[in-house]
């Protein structure tokens, strides 16, 4: 079967990485995907300045910036209440994938963490996945960002904690009861 194409021609991207070689490599990958040349920033302060004055459709951040962590920058992006860029998809790329670093980026509101080194195909797959799988945006006292759940797994303690979880559980019970009634008939 033929797959639908993804047109990335007018996607504006900000690439934040302190390493000149890596910035060039990832920017070249993005141009190869058909994206216009990404805006490149060497540190978090430059990225903040750019985002305050420009719009972006995608932000790609190195995990270890010279002036702040990627989690700090992602958290700053997500906390900009009066700005539309707070909803921008964020990919964090890192060669260090210890659980605490990946969790910090995820808990700050990053959409995805990609382990370096990665191939152009792997980056393209992640960008494609982001464009086709929109997750709800969650705002709580200590988290702002896309829903961190990827799979429909019940909580460990069995207690659903969100209003939407309870509605979904009730709807699922209704569908299951209807299916059982249809099977019995």
Foldseek 3Di string as FASTA:
>chain_A
DDDDQDAQQDAEEEEEAQDPVVLVVVQVLCVVSNYDRYHYHNALVVVVVCVVPDAGQEYEYEQDGPPDGLLVSLLVLLPPVVDPSNQHAYEYEYQDVDPVSQVSNVQSAHPYYHHPPDDSVVVVVVVVCCVPDAADFDDDPRGTYGDSDDDDDADPVNDDDDPVVVVVVVVVVVVVVVVVVVVVD
